[in-house]
Amino acid sequence: MTDDEELIESLVSSDATRPVVVSPAESVFWRMVVAMTSPLWLGIVVVAIANRAVRGQLPLFVLHERVGFRRSPLRVPKVATAAVASNQRRCAGLIEVATGAPVELEVGGRSDLWMRSMGVDELPQLALVLAGKMRLVGPRPVTQSELDEMIEDGAEVGIDVLHPGMVGLWQVLDRHGYELDERRQLDMVMIDNWSGRLRRQLLRLAARQALARLRSG
């Protein structure tokens, strides 16, 4: 059994029955937590953007065109860690708009690599949690091309049930080792096992992984 298989087995059951009620949006409690901690995560975002600006690196910010809850358009913000020549530029090059399929980024600077490994570049998405368009835990938003591939056989996808999340079952595994349909299946297994306990476990696991990367880096 692989490490991922052991982790999945410890978190979820493959034959679980989905709860009768699964609230698609983030709870008021967790949105309040995000609001109360906003001075901290907003400060980190400002420092991250300033770090790129001081080094003269553009863009500073990226907006990813994604598909969100019930297949509605969603712009997902990130602190930029690299530039993609084919993407659109706005605001004198400060903002990059990514509209196509995900591409492998050539991240060069140590600080940019650190931001990506620690997930600092994704902290702006907490603003979408506050706005009720994302959750802390849920399926990741996908591109239109990814969605089209996932639903070729009429399969259900996670964003049909939940608002997209910052952390999910797929994120705490070896995410590069899974094809799109496997990602979709992991999202559905997570939803079928949906509970407050599972959400807390995934958040704790994501935090521990980030701390482990911090210590090793």
N, C-alpha and C. Protein backbone atom coordinates (compact mmCIF):
# COMPACT_ATOMS: atom_id res chain seq x y z
N MET A 1 0.85 -1.20 0.00
CA MET A 1 0.00 0.00 0.00
C MET A 1 0.88 1.24 0.00
N THR A 2 0.59 2.21 -0.89
CA THR A 2 1.39 3.42 -0.97
C THR A 2 1.04 4.36 0.17
N ASP A 3 1.91 5.38 0.36
CA ASP A 3 1.65 6.38 1.40
C ASP A 3 0.31 7.07 1.17
N ASP A 4 0.01 7.40 -0.10
CA ASP A 4 -1.26 8.05 -0.41
C ASP A 4 -2.44 7.16 -0.07
N GLU A 5 -2.33 5.87 -0.41
CA GLU A 5 -3.42 4.94 -0.12
C GLU A 5 -3.66 4.81 1.37
N GLU A 6 -2.57 4.78 2.15
CA GLU A 6 -2.70 4.71 3.61
C GLU A 6 -3.37 5.97 4.15
N LEU A 7 -2.98 7.13 3.59
CA LEU A 7 -3.55 8.38 4.05
C LEU A 7 -5.04 8.45 3.71
N ILE A 8 -5.39 8.07 2.50
CA ILE A 8 -6.79 8.07 2.09
C ILE A 8 -7.60 7.16 3.00
N GLU A 9 -7.07 5.97 3.29
CA GLU A 9 -7.77 5.00 4.13
C GLU A 9 -7.98 5.53 5.55
N SER A 10 -7.02 6.33 6.03
CA SER A 10 -7.13 6.88 7.39
C SER A 10 -8.14 8.02 7.47
N LEU A 11 -8.44 8.64 6.33
CA LEU A 11 -9.32 9.82 6.33
C LEU A 11 -10.74 9.51 5.91
N VAL A 12 -10.89 8.63 4.91
CA VAL A 12 -12.22 8.43 4.32
C VAL A 12 -12.48 6.95 4.08
N SER A 13 -13.75 6.65 3.80
CA SER A 13 -14.17 5.30 3.44
C SER A 13 -14.69 5.33 2.01
N SER A 14 -14.25 4.38 1.19
CA SER A 14 -14.65 4.36 -0.22
C SER A 14 -16.12 4.02 -0.41
N ASP A 15 -16.75 3.39 0.59
CA ASP A 15 -18.16 3.01 0.46
C ASP A 15 -19.07 3.82 1.37
N ALA A 16 -18.63 5.03 1.72
CA ALA A 16 -19.43 5.89 2.59
C ALA A 16 -20.68 6.38 1.85
N THR A 17 -21.71 6.69 2.62
CA THR A 17 -22.95 7.25 2.06
C THR A 17 -22.96 8.75 2.30
N ARG A 18 -23.17 9.52 1.26
CA ARG A 18 -23.15 10.97 1.37
C ARG A 18 -24.21 11.46 2.35
N PRO A 19 -23.88 12.41 3.21
CA PRO A 19 -24.88 12.97 4.12
C PRO A 19 -26.07 13.54 3.35
N VAL A 20 -27.25 13.51 3.98
CA VAL A 20 -28.46 14.01 3.32
C VAL A 20 -28.31 15.49 3.00
N VAL A 21 -27.71 16.24 3.93
CA VAL A 21 -27.53 17.68 3.74
C VAL A 21 -26.04 17.99 3.69
N VAL A 22 -25.61 18.57 2.57
CA VAL A 22 -24.24 19.05 2.43
C VAL A 22 -24.32 20.53 2.07
N SER A 23 -23.98 21.39 3.01
CA SER A 23 -24.06 22.83 2.76
C SER A 23 -22.98 23.25 1.78
N PRO A 24 -23.35 23.83 0.64
CA PRO A 24 -22.34 24.17 -0.38
C PRO A 24 -21.39 25.28 0.02
N ALA A 25 -21.85 26.23 0.82
CA ALA A 25 -21.05 27.41 1.17
C ALA A 25 -20.31 27.20 2.49
N GLU A 26 -19.28 28.01 2.71
CA GLU A 26 -18.54 27.96 3.96
C GLU A 26 -19.42 28.43 5.11
N SER A 27 -19.18 27.87 6.29
CA SER A 27 -20.00 28.22 7.45
C SER A 27 -19.69 29.64 7.92
N VAL A 28 -20.66 30.21 8.62
CA VAL A 28 -20.48 31.56 9.17
C VAL A 28 -19.30 31.58 10.13
N PHE A 29 -19.15 30.52 10.93
CA PHE A 29 -18.05 30.47 11.91
C PHE A 29 -16.70 30.61 11.22
N TRP A 30 -16.45 29.80 10.19
CA TRP A 30 -15.15 29.84 9.54
C TRP A 30 -14.93 31.12 8.76
N ARG A 31 -16.00 31.68 8.24
CA ARG A 31 -15.85 32.98 7.57
C ARG A 31 -15.50 34.07 8.59
N MET A 32 -16.02 33.96 9.80
CA MET A 32 -15.66 34.91 10.86
C MET A 32 -14.19 34.75 11.24
N VAL A 33 -13.72 33.48 11.29
CA VAL A 33 -12.31 33.22 11.59
C VAL A 33 -11.43 33.87 10.53
N VAL A 34 -11.79 33.69 9.26
CA VAL A 34 -11.03 34.29 8.16
C VAL A 34 -11.04 35.81 8.28
N ALA A 35 -12.18 36.39 8.63
CA ALA A 35 -12.28 37.85 8.77
C ALA A 35 -11.40 38.35 9.92
N MET A 36 -11.43 37.64 11.06
CA MET A 36 -10.66 38.09 12.22
C MET A 36 -9.15 37.97 12.01
N THR A 37 -8.76 37.00 11.17
CA THR A 37 -7.32 36.82 10.90
C THR A 37 -6.87 37.60 9.66
N SER A 38 -7.75 38.38 9.06
CA SER A 38 -7.41 39.09 7.82
C SER A 38 -6.21 40.04 7.96
N PRO A 39 -6.02 40.71 9.10
CA PRO A 39 -4.80 41.55 9.18
C PRO A 39 -3.52 40.74 8.99
N LEU A 40 -3.53 39.48 9.46
CA LEU A 40 -2.34 38.63 9.32
C LEU A 40 -2.13 38.21 7.88
N TRP A 41 -3.16 37.57 7.26
CA TRP A 41 -2.92 37.05 5.91
C TRP A 41 -2.85 38.14 4.86
N LEU A 42 -3.56 39.25 5.09
CA LEU A 42 -3.42 40.37 4.16
C LEU A 42 -2.02 40.99 4.25
N GLY A 43 -1.48 41.04 5.47
CA GLY A 43 -0.13 41.56 5.65
C GLY A 43 0.90 40.70 4.93
N ILE A 44 0.73 39.37 5.01
CA ILE A 44 1.65 38.46 4.33
C ILE A 44 1.56 38.65 2.82
N VAL A 45 0.34 38.82 2.31
CA VAL A 45 0.15 39.03 0.87
C VAL A 45 0.84 40.32 0.42
N VAL A 46 0.68 41.38 1.21
CA VAL A 46 1.30 42.67 0.87
C VAL A 46 2.82 42.54 0.83
N VAL A 47 3.39 41.85 1.82
CA VAL A 47 4.85 41.64 1.85
C VAL A 47 5.30 40.83 0.64
N ALA A 48 4.53 39.80 0.29
CA ALA A 48 4.89 38.95 -0.86
C ALA A 48 4.88 39.75 -2.16
N ILE A 49 3.86 40.59 -2.33
CA ILE A 49 3.76 41.41 -3.54
C ILE A 49 4.89 42.44 -3.56
N ALA A 50 5.14 43.06 -2.39
CA ALA A 50 6.21 44.06 -2.31
C ALA A 50 7.57 43.46 -2.63
N ASN A 51 7.77 42.22 -2.22
CA ASN A 51 9.03 41.53 -2.49
C ASN A 51 9.28 41.41 -3.99
N ARG A 52 8.24 41.06 -4.75
CA ARG A 52 8.39 40.98 -6.20
C ARG A 52 8.59 42.37 -6.80
N ALA A 53 7.86 43.35 -6.28
CA ALA A 53 7.96 44.71 -6.82
C ALA A 53 9.37 45.28 -6.62
N VAL A 54 9.94 45.05 -5.44
CA VAL A 54 11.28 45.56 -5.14
C VAL A 54 12.31 44.94 -6.08
N ARG A 55 12.10 43.69 -6.46
CA ARG A 55 13.01 43.00 -7.37
C ARG A 55 12.73 43.32 -8.83
N GLY A 56 11.71 44.15 -9.06
CA GLY A 56 11.37 44.55 -10.42
C GLY A 56 10.75 43.45 -11.24
N GLN A 57 10.09 42.49 -10.58
CA GLN A 57 9.50 41.37 -11.29
C GLN A 57 8.01 41.60 -11.52
N LEU A 58 7.57 41.37 -12.73
CA LEU A 58 6.18 41.48 -13.10
C LEU A 58 5.73 40.16 -13.73
N PRO A 59 4.44 39.82 -13.58
CA PRO A 59 3.39 40.55 -12.88
C PRO A 59 3.50 40.38 -11.37
N LEU A 60 2.68 41.15 -10.66
CA LEU A 60 2.63 41.01 -9.21
C LEU A 60 1.47 40.12 -8.77
N PHE A 61 0.49 40.04 -9.63
CA PHE A 61 -0.76 39.38 -9.26
C PHE A 61 -1.27 38.59 -10.46
N VAL A 62 -1.92 37.46 -10.23
CA VAL A 62 -2.49 36.64 -11.31
C VAL A 62 -3.95 36.36 -11.01
N LEU A 63 -4.80 36.51 -12.03
CA LEU A 63 -6.20 36.12 -11.93
C LEU A 63 -6.42 34.93 -12.85
N HIS A 64 -6.77 33.80 -12.27
CA HIS A 64 -6.99 32.59 -13.06
C HIS A 64 -8.48 32.44 -13.38
N GLU A 65 -8.79 32.33 -14.66
CA GLU A 65 -10.17 32.08 -15.08
C GLU A 65 -10.50 30.62 -14.81
N ARG A 66 -11.42 30.37 -13.89
CA ARG A 66 -11.76 29.02 -13.50
C ARG A 66 -13.29 28.83 -13.52
N VAL A 67 -13.69 27.59 -13.29
CA VAL A 67 -15.11 27.26 -13.18
C VAL A 67 -15.39 26.95 -11.72
N GLY A 68 -16.38 27.64 -11.16
CA GLY A 68 -16.68 27.49 -9.74
C GLY A 68 -17.97 26.72 -9.50
N PHE A 69 -18.64 27.04 -8.42
CA PHE A 69 -19.83 26.33 -7.96
C PHE A 69 -20.90 26.30 -9.04
N ARG A 70 -21.43 25.12 -9.29
CA ARG A 70 -22.46 24.88 -10.30
C ARG A 70 -22.04 25.42 -11.66
N ARG A 71 -20.73 25.31 -11.92
CA ARG A 71 -20.13 25.59 -13.22
C ARG A 71 -20.24 27.06 -13.63
N SER A 72 -20.26 27.93 -12.64
CA SER A 72 -20.28 29.37 -12.92
C SER A 72 -18.85 29.89 -13.04
N PRO A 73 -18.64 30.97 -13.82
CA PRO A 73 -17.28 31.53 -13.96
C PRO A 73 -16.76 32.05 -12.61
N LEU A 74 -15.48 31.85 -12.39
CA LEU A 74 -14.85 32.28 -11.14
C LEU A 74 -13.43 32.73 -11.43
N ARG A 75 -13.07 33.92 -10.98
CA ARG A 75 -11.70 34.39 -11.09
C ARG A 75 -10.97 34.15 -9.78
N VAL A 76 -9.94 33.32 -9.84
CA VAL A 76 -9.21 32.90 -8.64
C VAL A 76 -7.90 33.69 -8.57
N PRO A 77 -7.71 34.49 -7.52
CA PRO A 77 -6.50 35.32 -7.43
C PRO A 77 -5.33 34.60 -6.78
N LYS A 78 -4.14 34.93 -7.25
CA LYS A 78 -2.90 34.43 -6.65
C LYS A 78 -1.84 35.52 -6.70
N VAL A 79 -0.92 35.47 -5.75
CA VAL A 79 0.29 36.29 -5.87
C VAL A 79 1.15 35.64 -6.96
N ALA A 80 1.63 36.45 -7.89
CA ALA A 80 2.43 35.91 -9.00
C ALA A 80 3.76 35.36 -8.49
N THR A 81 4.16 34.23 -9.05
CA THR A 81 5.48 33.67 -8.75
C THR A 81 6.28 33.44 -10.02
N ALA A 82 5.65 33.67 -11.16
CA ALA A 82 6.31 33.53 -12.46
C ALA A 82 5.46 34.26 -13.49
N ALA A 83 6.00 34.41 -14.69
CA ALA A 83 5.28 35.07 -15.77
C ALA A 83 5.05 34.06 -16.90
N VAL A 84 3.87 34.14 -17.52
CA VAL A 84 3.53 33.30 -18.67
C VAL A 84 3.29 34.22 -19.85
N ALA A 85 4.13 34.13 -20.85
CA ALA A 85 4.10 35.07 -21.97
C ALA A 85 2.77 35.08 -22.71
N SER A 86 2.09 33.93 -22.76
CA SER A 86 0.85 33.83 -23.52
C SER A 86 -0.36 34.41 -22.80
N ASN A 87 -0.23 34.73 -21.52
CA ASN A 87 -1.35 35.28 -20.76
C ASN A 87 -1.52 36.77 -21.01
N GLN A 88 -2.74 37.25 -20.78
CA GLN A 88 -3.03 38.67 -20.94
C GLN A 88 -2.41 39.46 -19.80
N ARG A 89 -2.04 40.71 -20.08
CA ARG A 89 -1.51 41.59 -19.05
C ARG A 89 -2.41 42.82 -18.92
N ARG A 90 -2.61 43.28 -17.72
CA ARG A 90 -3.43 44.46 -17.46
C ARG A 90 -2.75 45.34 -16.43
N CYS A 91 -3.23 46.58 -16.35
CA CYS A 91 -2.70 47.54 -15.37
C CYS A 91 -1.18 47.67 -15.51
N ALA A 92 -0.74 48.01 -16.71
CA ALA A 92 0.68 48.22 -17.00
C ALA A 92 1.52 46.99 -16.67
N GLY A 93 0.94 45.82 -16.85
CA GLY A 93 1.68 44.59 -16.62
C GLY A 93 1.68 44.09 -15.19
N LEU A 94 1.02 44.81 -14.28
CA LEU A 94 1.02 44.41 -12.88
C LEU A 94 0.16 43.16 -12.63
N ILE A 95 -0.88 43.01 -13.44
CA ILE A 95 -1.82 41.90 -13.26
C ILE A 95 -1.80 41.03 -14.52
N GLU A 96 -1.72 39.73 -14.31
CA GLU A 96 -1.77 38.77 -15.41
C GLU A 96 -3.09 38.01 -15.31
N VAL A 97 -3.74 37.81 -16.46
CA VAL A 97 -5.00 37.07 -16.50
C VAL A 97 -4.76 35.77 -17.25
N ALA A 98 -4.91 34.65 -16.54
CA ALA A 98 -4.67 33.33 -17.12
C ALA A 98 -6.00 32.73 -17.53
N THR A 99 -6.20 32.55 -18.83
CA THR A 99 -7.49 32.09 -19.34
C THR A 99 -7.45 30.66 -19.86
N GLY A 100 -6.29 30.14 -20.17
CA GLY A 100 -6.20 28.81 -20.77
C GLY A 100 -5.98 27.70 -19.77
N ALA A 101 -5.56 26.58 -20.30
CA ALA A 101 -5.27 25.42 -19.46
C ALA A 101 -4.05 25.69 -18.59
N PRO A 102 -3.94 25.05 -17.42
CA PRO A 102 -2.77 25.25 -16.56
C PRO A 102 -1.48 24.87 -17.29
N VAL A 103 -0.43 25.64 -17.03
CA VAL A 103 0.87 25.36 -17.64
C VAL A 103 1.91 25.21 -16.52
N GLU A 104 2.99 24.50 -16.83
CA GLU A 104 4.09 24.36 -15.88
C GLU A 104 4.82 25.70 -15.78
N LEU A 105 4.90 26.23 -14.58
CA LEU A 105 5.54 27.53 -14.38
C LEU A 105 7.04 27.34 -14.16
N GLU A 106 7.81 28.23 -14.75
CA GLU A 106 9.26 28.24 -14.52
C GLU A 106 9.55 29.25 -13.42
N VAL A 107 9.50 28.77 -12.19
CA VAL A 107 9.71 29.63 -11.02
C VAL A 107 11.20 29.67 -10.72
N GLY A 108 11.78 30.87 -10.77
CA GLY A 108 13.23 30.96 -10.65
C GLY A 108 13.75 31.39 -9.29
N GLY A 109 13.21 32.46 -8.72
CA GLY A 109 13.73 33.00 -7.48
C GLY A 109 13.44 32.15 -6.27
N ARG A 110 14.35 32.18 -5.29
CA ARG A 110 14.15 31.38 -4.07
C ARG A 110 12.89 31.79 -3.33
N SER A 111 12.63 33.10 -3.27
CA SER A 111 11.45 33.57 -2.54
C SER A 111 10.17 33.13 -3.24
N ASP A 112 10.17 33.11 -4.58
CA ASP A 112 8.99 32.67 -5.32
C ASP A 112 8.77 31.17 -5.12
N LEU A 113 9.85 30.39 -5.14
CA LEU A 113 9.74 28.95 -4.89
C LEU A 113 9.21 28.69 -3.49
N TRP A 114 9.69 29.49 -2.53
CA TRP A 114 9.23 29.34 -1.15
C TRP A 114 7.75 29.65 -1.04
N MET A 115 7.31 30.72 -1.70
CA MET A 115 5.89 31.10 -1.66
C MET A 115 5.01 29.99 -2.20
N ARG A 116 5.44 29.38 -3.30
CA ARG A 116 4.64 28.31 -3.90
C ARG A 116 4.62 27.07 -3.00
N SER A 117 5.77 26.70 -2.46
CA SER A 117 5.82 25.50 -1.63
C SER A 117 5.02 25.66 -0.34
N MET A 118 4.94 26.89 0.19
CA MET A 118 4.22 27.14 1.42
C MET A 118 2.76 27.52 1.19
N GLY A 119 2.38 27.73 -0.08
CA GLY A 119 1.01 28.12 -0.38
C GLY A 119 0.72 29.58 -0.12
N VAL A 120 1.76 30.39 0.09
CA VAL A 120 1.56 31.83 0.34
C VAL A 120 0.91 32.49 -0.86
N ASP A 121 1.25 32.00 -2.07
CA ASP A 121 0.70 32.62 -3.29
C ASP A 121 -0.82 32.47 -3.37
N GLU A 122 -1.40 31.51 -2.62
CA GLU A 122 -2.84 31.28 -2.68
C GLU A 122 -3.62 31.99 -1.58
N LEU A 123 -2.94 32.70 -0.69
CA LEU A 123 -3.63 33.39 0.40
C LEU A 123 -4.68 34.40 -0.07
N PRO A 124 -4.51 35.08 -1.22
CA PRO A 124 -5.57 36.00 -1.66
C PRO A 124 -6.92 35.32 -1.86
N GLN A 125 -6.93 34.01 -2.01
CA GLN A 125 -8.20 33.31 -2.18
C GLN A 125 -9.06 33.34 -0.93
N LEU A 126 -8.46 33.70 0.21
CA LEU A 126 -9.25 33.86 1.43
C LEU A 126 -10.28 34.97 1.26
N ALA A 127 -10.00 35.93 0.39
CA ALA A 127 -10.99 36.99 0.11
C ALA A 127 -12.24 36.39 -0.54
N LEU A 128 -12.07 35.34 -1.36
CA LEU A 128 -13.22 34.68 -1.97
C LEU A 128 -13.99 33.85 -0.94
N VAL A 129 -13.28 33.35 0.07
CA VAL A 129 -13.97 32.65 1.17
C VAL A 129 -14.87 33.65 1.90
N LEU A 130 -14.34 34.83 2.17
CA LEU A 130 -15.14 35.87 2.83
C LEU A 130 -16.34 36.27 1.97
N ALA A 131 -16.13 36.31 0.66
CA ALA A 131 -17.21 36.72 -0.25
C ALA A 131 -18.23 35.63 -0.50
N GLY A 132 -17.99 34.42 0.05
CA GLY A 132 -18.93 33.33 -0.12
C GLY A 132 -18.83 32.62 -1.45
N LYS A 133 -17.69 32.77 -2.15
CA LYS A 133 -17.51 32.13 -3.45
C LYS A 133 -16.57 30.92 -3.39
N MET A 134 -15.87 30.77 -2.27
CA MET A 134 -15.01 29.61 -2.05
C MET A 134 -15.16 29.15 -0.61
N ARG A 135 -14.63 27.98 -0.33
CA ARG A 135 -14.58 27.42 1.01
C ARG A 135 -13.13 27.20 1.41
N LEU A 136 -12.90 26.98 2.70
CA LEU A 136 -11.56 26.56 3.13
C LEU A 136 -11.28 25.14 2.65
N VAL A 137 -12.27 24.25 2.78
CA VAL A 137 -12.12 22.87 2.34
C VAL A 137 -13.17 22.58 1.28
N GLY A 138 -12.72 22.03 0.16
CA GLY A 138 -13.63 21.71 -0.93
C GLY A 138 -12.85 21.32 -2.17
N PRO A 139 -13.54 20.98 -3.25
CA PRO A 139 -12.86 20.65 -4.50
C PRO A 139 -12.21 21.90 -5.10
N ARG A 140 -11.04 21.73 -5.69
CA ARG A 140 -10.38 22.88 -6.31
C ARG A 140 -11.16 23.32 -7.55
N PRO A 141 -11.21 24.64 -7.80
CA PRO A 141 -11.81 25.10 -9.06
C PRO A 141 -11.00 24.59 -10.23
N VAL A 142 -11.66 24.39 -11.36
CA VAL A 142 -11.00 23.82 -12.53
C VAL A 142 -11.14 24.75 -13.72
N THR A 143 -10.32 24.53 -14.74
CA THR A 143 -10.48 25.27 -15.99
C THR A 143 -11.62 24.64 -16.78
N GLN A 144 -12.10 25.37 -17.78
CA GLN A 144 -13.19 24.84 -18.60
C GLN A 144 -12.76 23.57 -19.33
N SER A 145 -11.52 23.55 -19.81
CA SER A 145 -11.05 22.35 -20.53
C SER A 145 -10.94 21.16 -19.58
N GLU A 146 -10.52 21.40 -18.33
CA GLU A 146 -10.47 20.31 -17.35
C GLU A 146 -11.88 19.79 -17.05
N LEU A 147 -12.82 20.72 -16.90
CA LEU A 147 -14.21 20.32 -16.62
C LEU A 147 -14.78 19.50 -17.77
N ASP A 148 -14.53 19.95 -19.00
CA ASP A 148 -15.04 19.23 -20.18
C ASP A 148 -14.52 17.79 -20.19
N GLU A 149 -13.25 17.61 -19.83
CA GLU A 149 -12.68 16.27 -19.81
C GLU A 149 -13.27 15.43 -18.67
N MET A 150 -13.51 16.07 -17.52
CA MET A 150 -14.05 15.33 -16.38
C MET A 150 -15.46 14.82 -16.61
N ILE A 151 -16.26 15.56 -17.37
CA ILE A 151 -17.68 15.22 -17.50
C ILE A 151 -18.00 14.55 -18.85
N GLU A 152 -16.97 14.06 -19.53
CA GLU A 152 -17.18 13.43 -20.84
C GLU A 152 -18.24 12.32 -20.79
N ASP A 153 -18.25 11.56 -19.71
CA ASP A 153 -19.20 10.45 -19.58
C ASP A 153 -20.37 10.81 -18.67
N GLY A 154 -20.62 12.11 -18.51
CA GLY A 154 -21.74 12.55 -17.67
C GLY A 154 -21.48 12.42 -16.19
N ALA A 155 -20.22 12.34 -15.79
CA ALA A 155 -19.87 12.14 -14.38
C ALA A 155 -20.16 13.39 -13.56
N GLU A 156 -20.48 13.17 -12.29
CA GLU A 156 -20.68 14.27 -11.35
C GLU A 156 -19.32 14.80 -10.91
N VAL A 157 -19.23 16.11 -10.74
CA VAL A 157 -17.99 16.73 -10.29
C VAL A 157 -18.22 17.47 -8.98
N GLY A 158 -17.13 17.67 -8.23
CA GLY A 158 -17.25 18.26 -6.90
C GLY A 158 -17.87 19.63 -6.88
N ILE A 159 -17.58 20.45 -7.90
CA ILE A 159 -18.11 21.82 -7.90
C ILE A 159 -19.61 21.86 -8.22
N ASP A 160 -20.21 20.71 -8.56
CA ASP A 160 -21.67 20.66 -8.68
C ASP A 160 -22.32 20.62 -7.30
N VAL A 161 -21.55 20.21 -6.29
CA VAL A 161 -22.10 20.00 -4.95
C VAL A 161 -21.65 21.08 -3.98
N LEU A 162 -20.38 21.49 -4.08
CA LEU A 162 -19.78 22.43 -3.12
C LEU A 162 -19.15 23.61 -3.84
N HIS A 163 -19.07 24.73 -3.13
CA HIS A 163 -18.21 25.80 -3.59
C HIS A 163 -16.77 25.28 -3.60
N PRO A 164 -15.96 25.71 -4.55
CA PRO A 164 -14.57 25.23 -4.58
C PRO A 164 -13.83 25.63 -3.32
N GLY A 165 -12.81 24.84 -2.97
CA GLY A 165 -12.08 25.08 -1.73
C GLY A 165 -10.61 25.33 -1.95
N MET A 166 -9.96 25.82 -0.90
CA MET A 166 -8.52 26.04 -0.93
C MET A 166 -7.75 24.76 -0.61
N VAL A 167 -8.38 23.89 0.17
CA VAL A 167 -7.76 22.62 0.57
C VAL A 167 -8.76 21.51 0.32
N GLY A 168 -8.27 20.37 -0.16
CA GLY A 168 -9.14 19.22 -0.36
C GLY A 168 -8.33 17.94 -0.23
N LEU A 169 -9.00 16.82 -0.43
CA LEU A 169 -8.32 15.53 -0.31
C LEU A 169 -7.18 15.42 -1.31
N TRP A 170 -7.41 15.86 -2.53
CA TRP A 170 -6.36 15.78 -3.56
C TRP A 170 -5.15 16.62 -3.18
N GLN A 171 -5.36 17.79 -2.56
CA GLN A 171 -4.25 18.70 -2.25
C GLN A 171 -3.28 18.12 -1.22
N VAL A 172 -3.76 17.26 -0.32
CA VAL A 172 -2.87 16.74 0.72
C VAL A 172 -2.17 15.47 0.28
N LEU A 173 -2.45 15.02 -0.95
CA LEU A 173 -1.78 13.84 -1.49
C LEU A 173 -0.67 14.29 -2.45
N ASP A 174 -0.08 13.34 -3.13
CA ASP A 174 0.91 13.65 -4.16
C ASP A 174 0.15 14.12 -5.39
N ARG A 175 -0.21 15.41 -5.40
CA ARG A 175 -1.16 15.92 -6.39
C ARG A 175 -0.69 15.73 -7.83
N HIS A 176 0.62 15.64 -8.05
CA HIS A 176 1.12 15.48 -9.42
C HIS A 176 0.98 14.05 -9.93
N GLY A 177 0.57 13.13 -9.05
CA GLY A 177 0.49 11.74 -9.44
C GLY A 177 -0.90 11.30 -9.86
N TYR A 178 -1.83 12.26 -10.08
CA TYR A 178 -3.21 11.90 -10.37
C TYR A 178 -3.69 12.53 -11.67
N GLU A 179 -4.40 11.72 -12.46
CA GLU A 179 -5.05 12.22 -13.67
C GLU A 179 -6.34 12.94 -13.28
N LEU A 180 -6.94 13.64 -14.26
CA LEU A 180 -8.13 14.44 -13.98
C LEU A 180 -9.27 13.59 -13.42
N ASP A 181 -9.51 12.42 -14.01
CA ASP A 181 -10.62 11.61 -13.52
C ASP A 181 -10.36 11.11 -12.11
N GLU A 182 -9.09 10.84 -11.78
CA GLU A 182 -8.75 10.43 -10.42
C GLU A 182 -8.97 11.58 -9.45
N ARG A 183 -8.64 12.80 -9.88
CA ARG A 183 -8.92 13.98 -9.05
C ARG A 183 -10.41 14.10 -8.79
N ARG A 184 -11.20 13.92 -9.85
CA ARG A 184 -12.65 14.01 -9.71
C ARG A 184 -13.15 12.96 -8.71
N GLN A 185 -12.64 11.74 -8.82
CA GLN A 185 -13.07 10.69 -7.91
C GLN A 185 -12.69 11.00 -6.47
N LEU A 186 -11.50 11.57 -6.26
CA LEU A 186 -11.09 11.94 -4.90
C LEU A 186 -12.01 13.01 -4.33
N ASP A 187 -12.41 13.97 -5.18
CA ASP A 187 -13.35 15.01 -4.73
C ASP A 187 -14.66 14.38 -4.30
N MET A 188 -15.17 13.41 -5.08
CA MET A 188 -16.46 12.80 -4.76
C MET A 188 -16.37 11.92 -3.50
N VAL A 189 -15.24 11.23 -3.32
CA VAL A 189 -15.05 10.45 -2.09
C VAL A 189 -15.04 11.39 -0.89
N MET A 190 -14.38 12.54 -1.02
CA MET A 190 -14.36 13.52 0.07
C MET A 190 -15.77 13.98 0.39
N ILE A 191 -16.56 14.27 -0.63
CA ILE A 191 -17.93 14.75 -0.42
C ILE A 191 -18.81 13.66 0.18
N ASP A 192 -18.63 12.42 -0.27
CA ASP A 192 -19.42 11.30 0.29
C ASP A 192 -19.10 11.08 1.78
N ASN A 193 -17.89 11.45 2.20
CA ASN A 193 -17.47 11.32 3.61
C ASN A 193 -17.59 12.65 4.36
N TRP A 194 -18.32 13.59 3.82
CA TRP A 194 -18.35 14.96 4.31
C TRP A 194 -18.77 15.05 5.77
N SER A 195 -17.94 15.71 6.57
CA SER A 195 -18.26 15.92 7.98
C SER A 195 -17.34 17.02 8.51
N GLY A 196 -17.72 17.59 9.65
CA GLY A 196 -16.86 18.59 10.28
C GLY A 196 -15.52 17.99 10.67
N ARG A 197 -15.54 16.75 11.12
CA ARG A 197 -14.29 16.08 11.52
C ARG A 197 -13.34 15.96 10.33
N LEU A 198 -13.86 15.53 9.16
CA LEU A 198 -12.99 15.39 7.99
C LEU A 198 -12.42 16.74 7.57
N ARG A 199 -13.22 17.78 7.60
CA ARG A 199 -12.73 19.10 7.20
C ARG A 199 -11.62 19.57 8.14
N ARG A 200 -11.80 19.35 9.42
CA ARG A 200 -10.75 19.74 10.38
C ARG A 200 -9.49 18.91 10.16
N GLN A 201 -9.64 17.63 9.88
CA GLN A 201 -8.47 16.77 9.62
C GLN A 201 -7.69 17.26 8.40
N LEU A 202 -8.39 17.61 7.34
CA LEU A 202 -7.72 18.07 6.12
C LEU A 202 -7.00 19.39 6.35
N LEU A 203 -7.62 20.29 7.12
CA LEU A 203 -6.96 21.57 7.42
C LEU A 203 -5.72 21.35 8.28
N ARG A 204 -5.82 20.49 9.30
CA ARG A 204 -4.66 20.20 10.15
C ARG A 204 -3.55 19.55 9.34
N LEU A 205 -3.91 18.63 8.47
CA LEU A 205 -2.91 17.95 7.66
C LEU A 205 -2.21 18.92 6.72
N ALA A 206 -2.97 19.80 6.08
CA ALA A 206 -2.38 20.80 5.19
C ALA A 206 -1.44 21.72 5.96
N ALA A 207 -1.82 22.10 7.19
CA ALA A 207 -0.97 22.97 8.00
C ALA A 207 0.31 22.26 8.41
N ARG A 208 0.20 20.97 8.79
CA ARG A 208 1.39 20.20 9.17
C ARG A 208 2.34 20.04 7.99
N GLN A 209 1.80 19.80 6.81
CA GLN A 209 2.64 19.67 5.63
C GLN A 209 3.37 20.97 5.32
N ALA A 210 2.68 22.10 5.49
CA ALA A 210 3.31 23.40 5.26
C ALA A 210 4.44 23.64 6.26
N LEU A 211 4.19 23.30 7.53
CA LEU A 211 5.23 23.47 8.56
C LEU A 211 6.43 22.56 8.28
N ALA A 212 6.16 21.34 7.82
CA ALA A 212 7.26 20.42 7.50
C ALA A 212 8.10 20.97 6.36
N ARG A 213 7.45 21.57 5.36
CA ARG A 213 8.22 22.17 4.24
C ARG A 213 9.02 23.37 4.73
N LEU A 214 8.44 24.13 5.68
CA LEU A 214 9.14 25.29 6.23
C LEU A 214 10.42 24.85 6.96
N ARG A 215 10.31 23.78 7.76
CA ARG A 215 11.47 23.30 8.52
C ARG A 215 12.55 22.73 7.58
N SER A 216 12.10 22.04 6.54
CA SER A 216 13.06 21.41 5.62
C SER A 216 13.69 22.41 4.67
N GLY A 217 13.01 23.56 4.48
CA GLY A 217 13.52 24.56 3.52
C GLY A 217 14.46 25.53 4.17
